Amino acid sequence: MCLISAEGLKVKGIDFSKTQLWRLTKAGRFPRPVAIGFKRRAWVEAEVDAWIMERIEERDAH
């Protein structure tokens, strides 16, 4: 399992603000981060990749 930071999200094209990430996560529309230290969060890369694929599938369905 690989974890990615907020910078890693940006590399994948997810350039949301911290506030937007929090709102999407709270609404259940983005994977929840994992606490990796004091005030440090990371995301499970496979979950983020699955989220990206869902967006692509939604786009292609229309």
C-alpha atoms as a PDB file:
ATOM      1  CA  MET A   1       0.000   0.000   0.000  1.00  0.00           C
ATOM      2  CA  CYS A   2       1.312   3.437  -0.940  1.00  0.00           C
ATOM      3  CA  LEU A   3       0.375   6.719   0.680  1.00  0.00           C
ATOM      4  CA  ILE A   4       0.519  10.057  -1.107  1.00  0.00           C
ATOM      5  CA  SER A   5       0.667  13.575   0.284  1.00  0.00           C
ATOM      6  CA  ALA A   6      -1.255  16.641  -0.839  1.00  0.00           C
ATOM      7  CA  GLU A   7       1.634  17.297  -3.229  1.00  0.00           C
ATOM      8  CA  GLY A   8       1.140  13.786  -4.602  1.00  0.00           C
ATOM      9  CA  LEU A   9      -2.500  14.633  -5.252  1.00  0.00           C
ATOM     10  CA  LYS A  10      -1.377  17.645  -7.284  1.00  0.00           C
ATOM     11  CA  VAL A  11       0.896  15.418  -9.373  1.00  0.00           C
ATOM     12  CA  LYS A  12      -2.210  13.374 -10.218  1.00  0.00           C
ATOM     13  CA  GLY A  13      -4.027  16.548 -11.299  1.00  0.00           C
ATOM     14  CA  ILE A  14      -6.041  16.992  -8.100  1.00  0.00           C
ATOM     15  CA  ASP A  15      -5.235  20.580  -7.201  1.00  0.00           C
ATOM     16  CA  PHE A  16      -7.977  21.304  -4.667  1.00  0.00           C
ATOM     17  CA  SER A  17      -7.496  23.622  -1.718  1.00  0.00           C
ATOM     18  CA  LYS A  18      -7.360  22.103   1.769  1.00  0.00           C
ATOM     19  CA  THR A  19     -10.854  23.465   2.375  1.00  0.00           C
ATOM     20  CA  GLN A  20     -12.247  21.884  -0.780  1.00  0.00           C
ATOM     21  CA  LEU A  21     -10.634  18.527   0.055  1.00  0.00           C
ATOM     22  CA  TRP A  22     -12.153  18.707   3.547  1.00  0.00           C
ATOM     23  CA  ARG A  23     -15.623  19.508   2.152  1.00  0.00           C
ATOM     24  CA  LEU A  24     -15.496  16.710  -0.419  1.00  0.00           C
ATOM     25  CA  THR A  25     -14.262  14.242   2.194  1.00  0.00           C
ATOM     26  CA  LYS A  26     -16.918  15.281   4.706  1.00  0.00           C
ATOM     27  CA  ALA A  27     -19.583  14.810   2.017  1.00  0.00           C
ATOM     28  CA  GLY A  28     -18.245  11.326   1.217  1.00  0.00           C
ATOM     29  CA  ARG A  29     -17.182  12.428  -2.259  1.00  0.00           C
ATOM     30  CA  PHE A  30     -13.406  12.001  -1.846  1.00  0.00           C
ATOM     31  CA  PRO A  31     -11.329   9.343  -0.051  1.00  0.00           C
ATOM     32  CA  ARG A  32     -10.615   9.988   3.616  1.00  0.00           C
ATOM     33  CA  PRO A  33      -7.001  10.755   4.496  1.00  0.00           C
ATOM     34  CA  VAL A  34      -4.922   8.748   6.950  1.00  0.00           C
ATOM     35  CA  ALA A  35      -3.268  10.491   9.898  1.00  0.00           C
ATOM     36  CA  ILE A  36       0.480   9.915   9.607  1.00  0.00           C
ATOM     37  CA  GLY A  37       1.688  12.315  12.270  1.00  0.00           C
ATOM     38  CA  PHE A  38       0.908  15.548  14.018  1.00  0.00           C
ATOM     39  CA  LYS A  39      -1.130  17.616  11.540  1.00  0.00           C
ATOM     40  CA  ARG A  40       0.050  15.368   8.694  1.00  0.00           C
ATOM     41  CA  ARG A  41      -2.355  13.526   6.434  1.00  0.00           C
ATOM     42  CA  ALA A  42      -1.864  11.279   3.439  1.00  0.00           C
ATOM     43  CA  TRP A  43      -4.187   9.386   1.138  1.00  0.00           C
ATOM     44  CA  VAL A  44      -4.140   5.755   0.093  1.00  0.00           C
ATOM     45  CA  GLU A  45      -3.004   5.964  -3.517  1.00  0.00           C
ATOM     46  CA  ALA A  46      -5.244   3.092  -4.673  1.00  0.00           C
ATOM     47  CA  GLU A  47      -8.310   4.876  -3.240  1.00  0.00           C
ATOM     48  CA  VAL A  48      -7.381   8.115  -5.000  1.00  0.00           C
ATOM     49  CA  ASP A  49      -6.799   6.247  -8.267  1.00  0.00           C
ATOM     50  CA  ALA A  50     -10.213   4.570  -7.906  1.00  0.00           C
ATOM     51  CA  TRP A  51     -11.797   7.997  -7.315  1.00  0.00           C
ATOM     52  CA  ILE A  52     -10.167   9.303 -10.502  1.00  0.00           C
ATOM     53  CA  MET A  53     -11.434   6.284 -12.459  1.00  0.00           C
ATOM     54  CA  GLU A  54     -14.964   6.910 -11.148  1.00  0.00           C
ATOM     55  CA  ARG A  55     -14.788  10.479 -12.481  1.00  0.00           C
ATOM     56  CA  ILE A  56     -13.666   9.149 -15.885  1.00  0.00           C
ATOM     57  CA  GLU A  57     -16.473   6.560 -15.933  1.00  0.00           C
ATOM     58  CA  GLU A  58     -19.036   9.257 -15.043  1.00  0.00           C
ATOM     59  CA  ARG A  59     -17.735  11.410 -17.875  1.00  0.00           C
ATOM     60  CA  ASP A  60     -17.881   8.565 -20.372  1.00  0.00           C
ATOM     61  CA  ALA A  61     -21.398   7.545 -19.304  1.00  0.00           C
ATOM     62  CA  HIS A  62     -22.813  10.874 -20.489  1.00  0.00           C
END
